[in-house]
Amino acid sequence: DVMIDEDEKSWNLAMELCTGGDLYDQMKSKGMRPGMFPHKCLARYAYEMLDGIKYCHYHKFCHRDIKPKNYMLKFKDDRAPLKLTDFGMARSFVPGVPMSNAYGTLQFMSPEVVYGTYSEKCDIWSIGVSLYTMSVAALPFYHPDFESLKELLVSKPDVRIAMEEQKNRRG
């Protein structure tokens, strides 16, 4: 349901109850290890994520903060359907008109968002990063320093180098 508060000039979305927690918490409970999700489960999650964002984009809304923490599970089980939440950074868009304000979580943000000229396709990048993280239990691009991570993202990042750096950090 949608509740509009005219005085506060805000919208509140009442979504269905999801008792399974968020996808990130499920990753932690599985030990954050490669292979924590069966291939069949990952394939279904990929389909649900892409189908859900297709719906948003069809209605001209860009989420701009897709990450495992913003997917809730209907119930606590690998077979539970995913529900995209936290539309606080979402906005409507006009096809072909670029967006310019950088919103989202940097680790899941597309290089175009960091550049400051992007389209709704930034959500697809974030889904890809989320699925990668769920597959190998590591972010594809990482640096502990915020500004260095931004530089990494805008310098055409190489996943192979990022994987090697993460492997070295794990010891």
C-alpha atoms as a PDB file:
ATOM      1  CA  ASP A   1       0.000   0.000   0.000  1.00  0.00           C
ATOM      2  CA  VAL A   2       1.114   3.599  -0.475  1.00  0.00           C
ATOM      3  CA  MET A   3       0.573   6.208   2.203  1.00  0.00           C
ATOM      4  CA  ILE A   4       1.153   9.819   1.233  1.00  0.00           C
ATOM      5  CA  ASP A   5       1.883  12.368   3.937  1.00  0.00           C
ATOM      6  CA  GLU A   6       1.035  15.729   2.372  1.00  0.00           C
ATOM      7  CA  ASP A   7       2.382  17.695   5.376  1.00  0.00           C
ATOM      8  CA  GLU A   8       5.777  15.985   5.291  1.00  0.00           C
ATOM      9  CA  LYS A   9       5.733  15.706   1.481  1.00  0.00           C
ATOM     10  CA  SER A  10       6.683  12.058   1.695  1.00  0.00           C
ATOM     11  CA  TRP A  11       5.474   8.672   0.508  1.00  0.00           C
ATOM     12  CA  ASN A  12       5.562   5.519   2.606  1.00  0.00           C
ATOM     13  CA  LEU A  13       5.346   2.077   1.072  1.00  0.00           C
ATOM     14  CA  ALA A  14       3.807  -0.702   3.165  1.00  0.00           C
ATOM     15  CA  MET A  15       5.157  -3.950   1.801  1.00  0.00           C
ATOM     16  CA  GLU A  16       4.301  -7.514   2.622  1.00  0.00           C
ATOM     17  CA  LEU A  17       5.788  -9.190   5.679  1.00  0.00           C
ATOM     18  CA  CYS A  18       9.066 -10.953   4.916  1.00  0.00           C
ATOM     19  CA  THR A  19      10.223 -13.156   7.783  1.00  0.00           C
ATOM     20  CA  GLY A  20      13.349 -14.546   6.094  1.00  0.00           C
ATOM     21  CA  GLY A  21      15.574 -11.533   6.706  1.00  0.00           C
ATOM     22  CA  ASP A  22      17.660  -9.942   3.999  1.00  0.00           C
ATOM     23  CA  LEU A  23      19.845 -11.687   1.449  1.00  0.00           C
ATOM     24  CA  TYR A  24      23.052 -10.384   3.023  1.00  0.00           C
ATOM     25  CA  ASP A  25      22.121 -11.905   6.387  1.00  0.00           C
ATOM     26  CA  GLN A  26      21.433 -15.196   4.637  1.00  0.00           C
ATOM     27  CA  MET A  27      24.889 -15.006   3.038  1.00  0.00           C
ATOM     28  CA  LYS A  28      26.457 -14.456   6.477  1.00  0.00           C
ATOM     29  CA  SER A  29      24.496 -17.359   7.982  1.00  0.00           C
ATOM     30  CA  LYS A  30      25.844 -19.620   5.221  1.00  0.00           C
ATOM     31  CA  GLY A  31      29.412 -18.692   6.144  1.00  0.00           C
ATOM     32  CA  MET A  32      30.195 -16.228   3.314  1.00  0.00           C
ATOM     33  CA  ARG A  33      31.996 -18.851   1.237  1.00  0.00           C
ATOM     34  CA  PRO A  34      32.087 -19.559  -2.485  1.00  0.00           C
ATOM     35  CA  GLY A  35      29.323 -21.986  -3.414  1.00  0.00           C
ATOM     36  CA  MET A  36      27.153 -20.995  -0.452  1.00  0.00           C
ATOM     37  CA  PHE A  37      24.127 -20.980  -2.784  1.00  0.00           C
ATOM     38  CA  PRO A  38      23.349 -23.928  -5.074  1.00  0.00           C
ATOM     39  CA  HIS A  39      23.456 -23.049  -8.803  1.00  0.00           C
ATOM     40  CA  LYS A  40      19.722 -23.599  -9.107  1.00  0.00           C
ATOM     41  CA  CYS A  41      19.080 -21.109  -6.312  1.00  0.00           C
ATOM     42  CA  LEU A  42      21.426 -18.507  -7.849  1.00  0.00           C
ATOM     43  CA  ALA A  43      19.732 -18.897 -11.219  1.00  0.00           C
ATOM     44  CA  ARG A  44      16.324 -18.293  -9.653  1.00  0.00           C
ATOM     45  CA  TYR A  45      17.616 -15.295  -7.715  1.00  0.00           C
ATOM     46  CA  ALA A  46      19.079 -13.868 -10.952  1.00  0.00           C
ATOM     47  CA  TYR A  47      15.748 -14.322 -12.712  1.00  0.00           C
ATOM     48  CA  GLU A  48      13.776 -12.732  -9.856  1.00  0.00           C
ATOM     49  CA  MET A  49      16.182  -9.775  -9.576  1.00  0.00           C
ATOM     50  CA  LEU A  50      16.123  -9.100 -13.317  1.00  0.00           C
ATOM     51  CA  ASP A  51      12.378  -9.605 -13.619  1.00  0.00           C
ATOM     52  CA  GLY A  52      11.749  -7.261 -10.683  1.00  0.00           C
ATOM     53  CA  ILE A  53      13.941  -4.490 -12.043  1.00  0.00           C
ATOM     54  CA  LYS A  54      12.382  -4.949 -15.483  1.00  0.00           C
ATOM     55  CA  TYR A  55       9.054  -4.136 -13.840  1.00  0.00           C
ATOM     56  CA  CYS A  56      10.509  -1.015 -12.165  1.00  0.00           C
ATOM     57  CA  HIS A  57      12.140   0.169 -15.379  1.00  0.00           C
ATOM     58  CA  TYR A  58       8.958  -0.452 -17.370  1.00  0.00           C
ATOM     59  CA  HIS A  59       7.225   1.940 -14.978  1.00  0.00           C
ATOM     60  CA  LYS A  60      10.133   4.399 -15.378  1.00  0.00           C
ATOM     61  CA  PHE A  61      11.648   3.988 -11.914  1.00  0.00           C
ATOM     62  CA  CYS A  62      15.342   3.464 -11.279  1.00  0.00           C
ATOM     63  CA  HIS A  63      16.179   1.923  -7.881  1.00  0.00           C
ATOM     64  CA  ARG A  64      19.822   3.128  -7.654  1.00  0.00           C
ATOM     65  CA  ASP A  65      20.768   1.094  -4.559  1.00  0.00           C
ATOM     66  CA  ILE A  66      20.531  -2.560  -5.476  1.00  0.00           C
ATOM     67  CA  LYS A  67      22.584  -4.799  -3.202  1.00  0.00           C
ATOM     68  CA  PRO A  68      21.976  -8.022  -1.218  1.00  0.00           C
ATOM     69  CA  LYS A  69      21.013  -6.015   1.887  1.00  0.00           C
ATOM     70  CA  ASN A  70      18.042  -4.565  -0.059  1.00  0.00           C
ATOM     71  CA  TYR A  71      16.529  -7.925  -0.996  1.00  0.00           C
ATOM     72  CA  MET A  72      14.268  -9.503   1.593  1.00  0.00           C
ATOM     73  CA  LEU A  73      13.343 -13.176   1.648  1.00  0.00           C
ATOM     74  CA  LYS A  74       9.656 -14.015   1.994  1.00  0.00           C
ATOM     75  CA  PHE A  75      10.607 -16.750   4.512  1.00  0.00           C
ATOM     76  CA  LYS A  76      13.842 -18.333   5.769  1.00  0.00           C
ATOM     77  CA  ASP A  77      14.712 -20.847   3.055  1.00  0.00           C
ATOM     78  CA  ASP A  78      16.677 -20.995  -0.228  1.00  0.00           C
ATOM     79  CA  ARG A  79      13.349 -21.452  -2.020  1.00  0.00           C
ATOM     80  CA  ALA A  80      11.930 -18.196  -0.654  1.00  0.00           C
ATOM     81  CA  PRO A  81      11.102 -15.540  -3.247  1.00  0.00           C
ATOM     82  CA  LEU A  82      13.094 -12.292  -3.163  1.00  0.00           C
ATOM     83  CA  LYS A  83      11.479  -8.914  -2.570  1.00  0.00           C
ATOM     84  CA  LEU A  84      13.337  -5.722  -3.536  1.00  0.00           C
ATOM     85  CA  THR A  85      13.119  -3.099  -0.775  1.00  0.00           C
ATOM     86  CA  ASP A  86      14.479   0.308   0.220  1.00  0.00           C
ATOM     87  CA  PHE A  87      13.328   2.627  -2.525  1.00  0.00           C
ATOM     88  CA  GLY A  88      14.700   5.656  -0.636  1.00  0.00           C
ATOM     89  CA  MET A  89      17.158   6.486  -3.433  1.00  0.00           C
ATOM     90  CA  ALA A  90      14.837   5.525  -6.286  1.00  0.00           C
ATOM     91  CA  ARG A  91      13.629   8.099  -8.758  1.00  0.00           C
ATOM     92  CA  SER A  92      11.560   8.320 -11.868  1.00  0.00           C
ATOM     93  CA  PHE A  93      13.435   8.732 -15.113  1.00  0.00           C
ATOM     94  CA  VAL A  94      12.803   9.766 -18.688  1.00  0.00           C
ATOM     95  CA  PRO A  95      14.237   7.306 -21.237  1.00  0.00           C
ATOM     96  CA  GLY A  96      17.206   8.827 -23.031  1.00  0.00           C
ATOM     97  CA  VAL A  97      17.668  11.597 -20.447  1.00  0.00           C
ATOM     98  CA  PRO A  98      20.719  10.874 -18.290  1.00  0.00           C
ATOM     99  CA  MET A  99      20.625  11.084 -14.514  1.00  0.00           C
ATOM    100  CA  SER A 100      23.516  12.867 -12.827  1.00  0.00           C
ATOM    101  CA  ASN A 101      23.351  12.666  -9.022  1.00  0.00           C
ATOM    102  CA  ALA A 102      25.396   9.779  -7.648  1.00  0.00           C
ATOM    103  CA  TYR A 103      23.287   7.701  -5.268  1.00  0.00           C
ATOM    104  CA  GLY A 104      23.762   4.180  -4.024  1.00  0.00           C
ATOM    105  CA  THR A 105      26.347   2.031  -2.299  1.00  0.00           C
ATOM    106  CA  LEU A 106      29.758   2.526  -3.884  1.00  0.00           C
ATOM    107  CA  GLN A 107      30.740  -1.173  -3.875  1.00  0.00           C
ATOM    108  CA  PHE A 108      27.660  -1.948  -6.020  1.00  0.00           C
ATOM    109  CA  MET A 109      27.642   1.278  -8.062  1.00  0.00           C
ATOM    110  CA  SER A 110      28.274   1.298 -11.807  1.00  0.00           C
ATOM    111  CA  PRO A 111      31.176   3.355 -13.172  1.00  0.00           C
ATOM    112  CA  GLU A 112      28.653   5.558 -15.021  1.00  0.00           C
ATOM    113  CA  VAL A 113      27.044   6.569 -11.719  1.00  0.00           C
ATOM    114  CA  VAL A 114      30.482   7.499 -10.361  1.00  0.00           C
ATOM    115  CA  TYR A 115      31.118   9.517 -13.565  1.00  0.00           C
ATOM    116  CA  GLY A 116      27.834  11.335 -12.959  1.00  0.00           C
ATOM    117  CA  THR A 117      26.059  10.522 -16.242  1.00  0.00           C
ATOM    118  CA  TYR A 118      24.020   7.342 -16.194  1.00  0.00           C
ATOM    119  CA  SER A 119      20.744   5.657 -17.107  1.00  0.00           C
ATOM    120  CA  GLU A 120      18.471   3.142 -15.432  1.00  0.00           C
ATOM    121  CA  LYS A 121      20.883   0.448 -16.646  1.00  0.00           C
ATOM    122  CA  CYS A 122      22.976   1.187 -13.556  1.00  0.00           C
ATOM    123  CA  ASP A 123      20.556  -1.165 -11.764  1.00  0.00           C
ATOM    124  CA  ILE A 124      21.617  -4.029 -14.042  1.00  0.00           C
ATOM    125  CA  TRP A 125      25.279  -3.466 -13.098  1.00  0.00           C
ATOM    126  CA  SER A 126      24.330  -3.584  -9.413  1.00  0.00           C
ATOM    127  CA  ILE A 127      22.430  -6.840  -9.909  1.00  0.00           C
ATOM    128  CA  GLY A 128      25.529  -8.282 -11.588  1.00  0.00           C
ATOM    129  CA  VAL A 129      27.753  -7.226  -8.691  1.00  0.00           C
ATOM    130  CA  SER A 130      25.226  -8.685  -6.226  1.00  0.00           C
ATOM    131  CA  LEU A 131      25.121 -12.023  -8.050  1.00  0.00           C
ATOM    132  CA  TYR A 132      28.926 -12.103  -8.335  1.00  0.00           C
ATOM    133  CA  THR A 133      29.202 -11.474  -4.592  1.00  0.00           C
ATOM    134  CA  MET A 134      26.696 -14.232  -3.869  1.00  0.00           C
ATOM    135  CA  SER A 135      28.603 -16.630  -6.142  1.00  0.00           C
ATOM    136  CA  VAL A 136      32.150 -16.142  -4.899  1.00  0.00           C
ATOM    137  CA  ALA A 137      31.603 -14.513  -1.471  1.00  0.00           C
ATOM    138  CA  ALA A 138      33.662 -11.457  -2.360  1.00  0.00           C
ATOM    139  CA  LEU A 139      33.103  -8.124  -4.039  1.00  0.00           C
ATOM    140  CA  PRO A 140      34.455  -7.922  -7.598  1.00  0.00           C
ATOM    141  CA  PHE A 141      36.009  -4.486  -6.906  1.00  0.00           C
ATOM    142  CA  TYR A 142      37.312  -3.572  -3.492  1.00  0.00           C
ATOM    143  CA  HIS A 143      39.539  -1.056  -1.808  1.00  0.00           C
ATOM    144  CA  PRO A 144      39.327  -0.086   1.870  1.00  0.00           C
ATOM    145  CA  ASP A 145      39.691   3.604   0.983  1.00  0.00           C
ATOM    146  CA  PHE A 146      36.533   5.259  -0.435  1.00  0.00           C
ATOM    147  CA  GLU A 147      38.333   7.578  -2.873  1.00  0.00           C
ATOM    148  CA  SER A 148      40.613   4.783  -4.121  1.00  0.00           C
ATOM    149  CA  LEU A 149      37.576   2.598  -4.753  1.00  0.00           C
ATOM    150  CA  LYS A 150      35.974   5.409  -6.774  1.00  0.00           C
ATOM    151  CA  GLU A 151      39.172   5.703  -8.841  1.00  0.00           C
ATOM    152  CA  LEU A 152      39.197   1.936  -9.363  1.00  0.00           C
ATOM    153  CA  LEU A 153      35.625   1.974 -10.640  1.00  0.00           C
ATOM    154  CA  VAL A 154      36.172   4.792 -13.129  1.00  0.00           C
ATOM    155  CA  SER A 155      39.441   3.332 -14.458  1.00  0.00           C
ATOM    156  CA  LYS A 156      37.785   0.406 -16.268  1.00  0.00           C
ATOM    157  CA  PRO A 157      38.270  -2.183 -13.503  1.00  0.00           C
ATOM    158  CA  ASP A 158      39.644  -5.619 -14.246  1.00  0.00           C
ATOM    159  CA  VAL A 159      37.870  -8.373 -12.295  1.00  0.00           C
ATOM    160  CA  ARG A 160      40.899 -10.697 -12.565  1.00  0.00           C
ATOM    161  CA  ILE A 161      43.106  -8.201 -10.724  1.00  0.00           C
ATOM    162  CA  ALA A 162      40.432  -7.606  -8.086  1.00  0.00           C
ATOM    163  CA  MET A 163      40.074 -11.371  -7.518  1.00  0.00           C
ATOM    164  CA  GLU A 164      43.837 -11.761  -7.082  1.00  0.00           C
ATOM    165  CA  GLU A 165      43.955  -8.883  -4.583  1.00  0.00           C
ATOM    166  CA  GLN A 166      41.119 -10.428  -2.554  1.00  0.00           C
ATOM    167  CA  LYS A 167      42.820 -13.809  -2.584  1.00  0.00           C
ATOM    168  CA  ASN A 168      46.010 -12.173  -1.256  1.00  0.00           C
ATOM    169  CA  ARG A 169      44.056 -10.433   1.535  1.00  0.00           C
ATOM    170  CA  ARG A 170      42.532 -13.743   2.640  1.00  0.00           C
ATOM    171  CA  GLY A 171      46.016 -15.165   2.942  1.00  0.00           C
END
